[in-house]
PDB file of all heavy atoms in Angstrom:
ATOM      1  N   LEU A   1      94.855  82.757 116.295  1.00  0.00           N
ATOM      2  CA  LEU A   1      93.631  81.947 116.283  1.00  0.00           C
ATOM      3  C   LEU A   1      92.391  82.814 116.518  1.00  0.00           C
ATOM      4  O   LEU A   1      91.368  82.630 115.852  1.00  0.00           O
ATOM      5  CB  LEU A   1      93.733  80.849 117.353  1.00  0.00           C
ATOM      6  CG  LEU A   1      92.714  79.730 117.276  1.00  0.00           C
ATOM      7  CD1 LEU A   1      92.826  79.002 115.948  1.00  0.00           C
ATOM      8  CD2 LEU A   1      92.908  78.763 118.432  1.00  0.00           C
ATOM      9  N   LEU A   2      92.485  83.773 117.443  1.00  0.00           N
ATOM     10  CA  LEU A   2      91.361  84.691 117.690  1.00  0.00           C
ATOM     11  C   LEU A   2      91.095  85.569 116.473  1.00  0.00           C
ATOM     12  O   LEU A   2      89.941  85.825 116.118  1.00  0.00           O
ATOM     13  CB  LEU A   2      91.641  85.542 118.923  1.00  0.00           C
ATOM     14  CG  LEU A   2      91.540  84.838 120.267  1.00  0.00           C
ATOM     15  CD1 LEU A   2      91.977  85.774 121.379  1.00  0.00           C
ATOM     16  CD2 LEU A   2      90.130  84.341 120.512  1.00  0.00           C
ATOM     17  N   LEU A   3      92.155  86.052 115.847  1.00  0.00           N
ATOM     18  CA  LEU A   3      92.006  86.878 114.649  1.00  0.00           C
ATOM     19  C   LEU A   3      91.346  86.092 113.523  1.00  0.00           C
ATOM     20  O   LEU A   3      90.429  86.581 112.854  1.00  0.00           O
ATOM     21  CB  LEU A   3      93.371  87.400 114.203  1.00  0.00           C
ATOM     22  CG  LEU A   3      93.380  88.285 112.965  1.00  0.00           C
ATOM     23  CD1 LEU A   3      92.670  89.599 113.261  1.00  0.00           C
ATOM     24  CD2 LEU A   3      94.794  88.523 112.503  1.00  0.00           C
ATOM     25  N   LEU A   4      91.798  84.871 113.330  1.00  0.00           N
ATOM     26  CA  LEU A   4      91.217  84.022 112.292  1.00  0.00           C
ATOM     27  C   LEU A   4      89.753  83.703 112.593  1.00  0.00           C
ATOM     28  O   LEU A   4      88.907  83.724 111.685  1.00  0.00           O
ATOM     29  CB  LEU A   4      92.031  82.729 112.161  1.00  0.00           C
ATOM     30  CG  LEU A   4      91.672  81.820 111.000  1.00  0.00           C
ATOM     31  CD1 LEU A   4      91.866  82.546 109.692  1.00  0.00           C
ATOM     32  CD2 LEU A   4      92.502  80.553 111.042  1.00  0.00           C
ATOM     33  N   SER A   5      89.442  83.440 113.853  1.00  0.00           N
ATOM     34  CA  SER A   5      88.039  83.180 114.243  1.00  0.00           C
ATOM     35  C   SER A   5      87.172  84.399 113.992  1.00  0.00           C
ATOM     36  O   SER A   5      86.048  84.285 113.505  1.00  0.00           O
ATOM     37  CB  SER A   5      87.963  82.788 115.713  1.00  0.00           C
ATOM     38  OG  SER A   5      88.672  81.602 115.960  1.00  0.00           O
ATOM     39  N   GLY A   6      87.695  85.571 114.317  1.00  0.00           N
ATOM     40  CA  GLY A   6      86.947  86.805 114.069  1.00  0.00           C
ATOM     41  C   GLY A   6      86.675  87.015 112.590  1.00  0.00           C
ATOM     42  O   GLY A   6      85.579  87.419 112.188  1.00  0.00           O
ATOM     43  N   MET A   7      87.674  86.746 111.760  1.00  0.00           N
ATOM     44  CA  MET A   7      87.483  86.887 110.320  1.00  0.00           C
ATOM     45  C   MET A   7      86.460  85.898 109.789  1.00  0.00           C
ATOM     46  O   MET A   7      85.637  86.247 108.939  1.00  0.00           O
ATOM     47  CB  MET A   7      88.825  86.706 109.600  1.00  0.00           C
ATOM     48  CG  MET A   7      89.787  87.857 109.806  1.00  0.00           C
ATOM     49  SD  MET A   7      91.444  87.590 109.130  1.00  0.00           S
ATOM     50  CE  MET A   7      91.111  87.115 107.471  1.00  0.00           C
ATOM     51  N   LEU A   8      86.483  84.673 110.286  1.00  0.00           N
ATOM     52  CA  LEU A   8      85.507  83.670 109.847  1.00  0.00           C
ATOM     53  C   LEU A   8      84.092  84.028 110.289  1.00  0.00           C
ATOM     54  O   LEU A   8      83.139  83.841 109.538  1.00  0.00           O
ATOM     55  CB  LEU A   8      85.899  82.287 110.366  1.00  0.00           C
ATOM     56  CG  LEU A   8      87.107  81.651 109.685  1.00  0.00           C
ATOM     57  CD1 LEU A   8      87.497  80.352 110.382  1.00  0.00           C
ATOM     58  CD2 LEU A   8      86.842  81.421 108.220  1.00  0.00           C
ATOM     59  N   ILE A   9      83.943  84.560 111.501  1.00  0.00           N
ATOM     60  CA  ILE A   9      82.622  84.978 111.989  1.00  0.00           C
ATOM     61  C   ILE A   9      82.093  86.123 111.130  1.00  0.00           C
ATOM     62  O   ILE A   9      80.914  86.131 110.750  1.00  0.00           O
ATOM     63  CB  ILE A   9      82.703  85.361 113.481  1.00  0.00           C
ATOM     64  CG1 ILE A   9      82.919  84.102 114.328  1.00  0.00           C
ATOM     65  CG2 ILE A   9      81.458  86.109 113.919  1.00  0.00           C
ATOM     66  CD1 ILE A   9      83.221  84.382 115.784  1.00  0.00           C
ATOM     67  N   ARG A  10      82.979  87.081 110.809  1.00  0.00           N
ATOM     68  CA  ARG A  10      82.559  88.212 109.973  1.00  0.00           C
ATOM     69  C   ARG A  10      82.156  87.734 108.570  1.00  0.00           C
ATOM     70  O   ARG A  10      81.138  88.172 108.014  1.00  0.00           O
ATOM     71  CB  ARG A  10      83.687  89.214 109.888  1.00  0.00           C
ATOM     72  CG  ARG A  10      83.356  90.429 109.073  1.00  0.00           C
ATOM     73  CD  ARG A  10      84.453  91.468 109.179  1.00  0.00           C
ATOM     74  NE  ARG A  10      84.296  92.426 108.133  1.00  0.00           N
ATOM     75  CZ  ARG A  10      85.234  92.735 107.253  1.00  0.00           C
ATOM     76  NH1 ARG A  10      86.413  92.187 107.317  1.00  0.00           N
ATOM     77  NH2 ARG A  10      84.997  93.618 106.325  1.00  0.00           N
ATOM     78  N   CYS A  11      82.928  86.823 107.998  1.00  0.00           N
ATOM     79  CA  CYS A  11      82.620  86.275 106.674  1.00  0.00           C
ATOM     80  C   CYS A  11      81.288  85.518 106.701  1.00  0.00           C
ATOM     81  O   CYS A  11      80.476  85.642 105.775  1.00  0.00           O
ATOM     82  CB  CYS A  11      83.746  85.375 106.220  1.00  0.00           C
ATOM     83  SG  CYS A  11      83.525  84.711 104.566  1.00  0.00           S
ATOM     84  N   ASN A  12      81.070  84.756 107.771  1.00  0.00           N
ATOM     85  CA  ASN A  12      79.815  84.023 107.923  1.00  0.00           C
ATOM     86  C   ASN A  12      78.625  84.976 108.007  1.00  0.00           C
ATOM     87  O   ASN A  12      77.581  84.744 107.396  1.00  0.00           O
ATOM     88  CB  ASN A  12      79.894  83.135 109.170  1.00  0.00           C
ATOM     89  CG  ASN A  12      78.710  82.212 109.291  1.00  0.00           C
ATOM     90  OD1 ASN A  12      77.883  82.125 108.402  1.00  0.00           O
ATOM     91  ND2 ASN A  12      78.625  81.517 110.399  1.00  0.00           N
ATOM     92  N   ARG A  13      78.766  86.070 108.745  1.00  0.00           N
ATOM     93  CA  ARG A  13      77.697  87.066 108.874  1.00  0.00           C
ATOM     94  C   ARG A  13      77.380  87.693 107.518  1.00  0.00           C
ATOM     95  O   ARG A  13      76.208  87.863 107.153  1.00  0.00           O
ATOM     96  CB  ARG A  13      78.099  88.125 109.887  1.00  0.00           C
ATOM     97  CG  ARG A  13      76.976  89.105 110.201  1.00  0.00           C
ATOM     98  CD  ARG A  13      77.340  90.127 111.251  1.00  0.00           C
ATOM     99  NE  ARG A  13      77.802  89.494 112.472  1.00  0.00           N
ATOM    100  CZ  ARG A  13      78.929  89.842 113.116  1.00  0.00           C
ATOM    101  NH1 ARG A  13      79.694  90.812 112.659  1.00  0.00           N
ATOM    102  NH2 ARG A  13      79.280  89.224 114.224  1.00  0.00           N
ATOM    103  N   GLN A  14      78.426  88.015 106.734  1.00  0.00           N
ATOM    104  CA  GLN A  14      78.206  88.605 105.418  1.00  0.00           C
ATOM    105  C   GLN A  14      77.510  87.622 104.479  1.00  0.00           C
ATOM    106  O   GLN A  14      76.623  88.013 103.713  1.00  0.00           O
ATOM    107  CB  GLN A  14      79.541  89.042 104.817  1.00  0.00           C
ATOM    108  CG  GLN A  14      80.144  90.251 105.475  1.00  0.00           C
ATOM    109  CD  GLN A  14      81.523  90.570 104.934  1.00  0.00           C
ATOM    110  OE1 GLN A  14      82.159  89.735 104.297  1.00  0.00           O
ATOM    111  NE2 GLN A  14      81.990  91.784 105.196  1.00  0.00           N
ATOM    112  N   LEU A  15      77.902  86.362 104.545  1.00  0.00           N
ATOM    113  CA  LEU A  15      77.261  85.358 103.697  1.00  0.00           C
ATOM    114  C   LEU A  15      75.801  85.157 104.084  1.00  0.00           C
ATOM    115  O   LEU A  15      74.948  84.985 103.218  1.00  0.00           O
ATOM    116  CB  LEU A  15      78.017  84.035 103.767  1.00  0.00           C
ATOM    117  CG  LEU A  15      79.380  84.019 103.066  1.00  0.00           C
ATOM    118  CD1 LEU A  15      80.106  82.719 103.341  1.00  0.00           C
ATOM    119  CD2 LEU A  15      79.211  84.253 101.582  1.00  0.00           C
ATOM    120  N   ARG A  16      75.503  85.179 105.369  1.00  0.00           N
ATOM    121  CA  ARG A  16      74.106  85.060 105.820  1.00  0.00           C
ATOM    122  C   ARG A  16      73.268  86.242 105.332  1.00  0.00           C
ATOM    123  O   ARG A  16      72.130  86.068 104.915  1.00  0.00           O
ATOM    124  CB  ARG A  16      74.036  84.947 107.339  1.00  0.00           C
ATOM    125  CG  ARG A  16      74.462  83.607 107.866  1.00  0.00           C
ATOM    126  CD  ARG A  16      74.395  83.620 109.388  1.00  0.00           C
ATOM    127  NE  ARG A  16      74.975  82.421 109.939  1.00  0.00           N
ATOM    128  CZ  ARG A  16      74.252  81.379 110.340  1.00  0.00           C
ATOM    129  NH1 ARG A  16      72.950  81.416 110.258  1.00  0.00           N
ATOM    130  NH2 ARG A  16      74.854  80.314 110.828  1.00  0.00           N
ATOM    131  N   GLU A  17      73.832  87.452 105.383  1.00  0.00           N
ATOM    132  CA  GLU A  17      73.120  88.631 104.877  1.00  0.00           C
ATOM    133  C   GLU A  17      72.881  88.510 103.373  1.00  0.00           C
ATOM    134  O   GLU A  17      71.821  88.882 102.879  1.00  0.00           O
ATOM    135  CB  GLU A  17      73.902  89.909 105.194  1.00  0.00           C
ATOM    136  CG  GLU A  17      73.803  90.348 106.623  1.00  0.00           C
ATOM    137  CD  GLU A  17      72.386  90.687 107.032  1.00  0.00           C
ATOM    138  OE1 GLU A  17      71.670  91.349 106.259  1.00  0.00           O
ATOM    139  OE2 GLU A  17      71.990  90.279 108.140  1.00  0.00           O
ATOM    140  N   GLU A  18      73.859  88.004 102.645  1.00  0.00           N
ATOM    141  CA  GLU A  18      73.702  87.822 101.197  1.00  0.00           C
ATOM    142  C   GLU A  18      72.606  86.804 100.890  1.00  0.00           C
ATOM    143  O   GLU A  18      71.812  86.988  99.966  1.00  0.00           O
ATOM    144  CB  GLU A  18      75.034  87.390 100.586  1.00  0.00           C
ATOM    145  CG  GLU A  18      74.997  87.161  99.098  1.00  0.00           C
ATOM    146  CD  GLU A  18      74.724  88.417  98.284  1.00  0.00           C
ATOM    147  OE1 GLU A  18      74.879  89.543  98.804  1.00  0.00           O
ATOM    148  OE2 GLU A  18      74.329  88.272  97.118  1.00  0.00           O
ATOM    149  N   VAL A  19      72.543  85.728 101.663  1.00  0.00           N
ATOM    150  CA  VAL A  19      71.489  84.726 101.465  1.00  0.00           C
ATOM    151  C   VAL A  19      70.127  85.349 101.747  1.00  0.00           C
ATOM    152  O   VAL A  19      69.164  85.120 101.001  1.00  0.00           O
ATOM    153  CB  VAL A  19      71.746  83.486 102.351  1.00  0.00           C
ATOM    154  CG1 VAL A  19      70.517  82.609 102.425  1.00  0.00           C
ATOM    155  CG2 VAL A  19      72.928  82.707 101.826  1.00  0.00           C
ATOM    156  N   LYS A  20      70.010  86.157 102.797  1.00  0.00           N
ATOM    157  CA  LYS A  20      68.740  86.829 103.103  1.00  0.00           C
ATOM    158  C   LYS A  20      68.337  87.772 101.972  1.00  0.00           C
ATOM    159  O   LYS A  20      67.172  87.827 101.582  1.00  0.00           O
ATOM    160  CB  LYS A  20      68.849  87.610 104.413  1.00  0.00           C
ATOM    161  CG  LYS A  20      68.865  86.757 105.641  1.00  0.00           C
ATOM    162  CD  LYS A  20      68.967  87.628 106.881  1.00  0.00           C
ATOM    163  CE  LYS A  20      69.122  86.797 108.137  1.00  0.00           C
ATOM    164  NZ  LYS A  20      69.299  87.637 109.328  1.00  0.00           N
ATOM    165  N   ARG A  21      69.303  88.525 101.431  1.00  0.00           N
ATOM    166  CA  ARG A  21      69.015  89.454 100.340  1.00  0.00           C
ATOM    167  C   ARG A  21      68.534  88.702  99.107  1.00  0.00           C
ATOM    168  O   ARG A  21      67.545  89.082  98.475  1.00  0.00           O
ATOM    169  CB  ARG A  21      70.275  90.261 100.001  1.00  0.00           C
ATOM    170  CG  ARG A  21      70.061  91.296  98.899  1.00  0.00           C
ATOM    171  CD  ARG A  21      71.356  91.967  98.523  1.00  0.00           C
ATOM    172  NE  ARG A  21      72.229  91.082  97.785  1.00  0.00           N
ATOM    173  CZ  ARG A  21      72.179  90.908  96.458  1.00  0.00           C
ATOM    174  NH1 ARG A  21      71.280  91.546  95.736  1.00  0.00           N
ATOM    175  NH2 ARG A  21      73.015  90.097  95.853  1.00  0.00           N
ATOM    176  N   GLN A  22      69.199  87.618  98.765  1.00  0.00           N
ATOM    177  CA  GLN A  22      68.781  86.840  97.611  1.00  0.00           C
ATOM    178  C   GLN A  22      67.426  86.177  97.836  1.00  0.00           C
ATOM    179  O   GLN A  22      66.631  86.054  96.904  1.00  0.00           O
ATOM    180  CB  GLN A  22      69.846  85.804  97.265  1.00  0.00           C
ATOM    181  CG  GLN A  22      71.092  86.432  96.687  1.00  0.00           C
ATOM    182  CD  GLN A  22      72.148  85.421  96.292  1.00  0.00           C
ATOM    183  OE1 GLN A  22      71.946  84.222  96.399  1.00  0.00           O
ATOM    184  NE2 GLN A  22      73.287  85.917  95.837  1.00  0.00           N
ATOM    185  N   ASP A  23      67.139  85.787  99.070  1.00  0.00           N
ATOM    186  CA  ASP A  23      65.827  85.226  99.397  1.00  0.00           C
ATOM    187  C   ASP A  23      64.729  86.276  99.231  1.00  0.00           C
ATOM    188  O   ASP A  23      63.651  86.002  98.697  1.00  0.00           O
ATOM    189  CB  ASP A  23      65.843  84.663 100.815  1.00  0.00           C
ATOM    190  CG  ASP A  23      64.597  83.890 101.137  1.00  0.00           C
ATOM    191  OD1 ASP A  23      64.128  83.128 100.258  1.00  0.00           O
ATOM    192  OD2 ASP A  23      64.081  84.037 102.263  1.00  0.00           O
ATOM    193  N   ARG A  24      65.013  87.509  99.692  1.00  0.00           N
ATOM    194  CA  ARG A  24      64.039  88.598  99.505  1.00  0.00           C
ATOM    195  C   ARG A  24      63.820  88.876  98.028  1.00  0.00           C
ATOM    196  O   ARG A  24      62.697  89.095  97.576  1.00  0.00           O
ATOM    197  CB  ARG A  24      64.507  89.861 100.234  1.00  0.00           C
ATOM    198  CG  ARG A  24      64.358  89.807 101.727  1.00  0.00           C
ATOM    199  CD  ARG A  24      64.576  91.167 102.355  1.00  0.00           C
ATOM    200  NE  ARG A  24      65.885  91.726 102.082  1.00  0.00           N
ATOM    201  CZ  ARG A  24      66.934  91.661 102.894  1.00  0.00           C
ATOM    202  NH1 ARG A  24      66.841  91.039 104.038  1.00  0.00           N
ATOM    203  NH2 ARG A  24      68.075  92.227 102.557  1.00  0.00           N
ATOM    204  N   ASN A  25      64.903  88.875  97.231  1.00  0.00           N
ATOM    205  CA  ASN A  25      64.772  89.102  95.787  1.00  0.00           C
ATOM    206  C   ASN A  25      63.937  88.014  95.133  1.00  0.00           C
ATOM    207  O   ASN A  25      63.111  88.283  94.259  1.00  0.00           O
ATOM    208  CB  ASN A  25      66.146  89.170  95.130  1.00  0.00           C
ATOM    209  CG  ASN A  25      66.819  90.502  95.312  1.00  0.00           C
ATOM    210  OD1 ASN A  25      66.188  91.483  95.697  1.00  0.00           O
ATOM    211  ND2 ASN A  25      68.102  90.547  95.046  1.00  0.00           N
TER     212      ASN A  25
END
């Protein structure tokens, strides 16, 4: 459960960065 939570948090962080990059573009 901790491993899965960590993976979801990391995926969420990457998606947020992608949204910021597309917003800047």
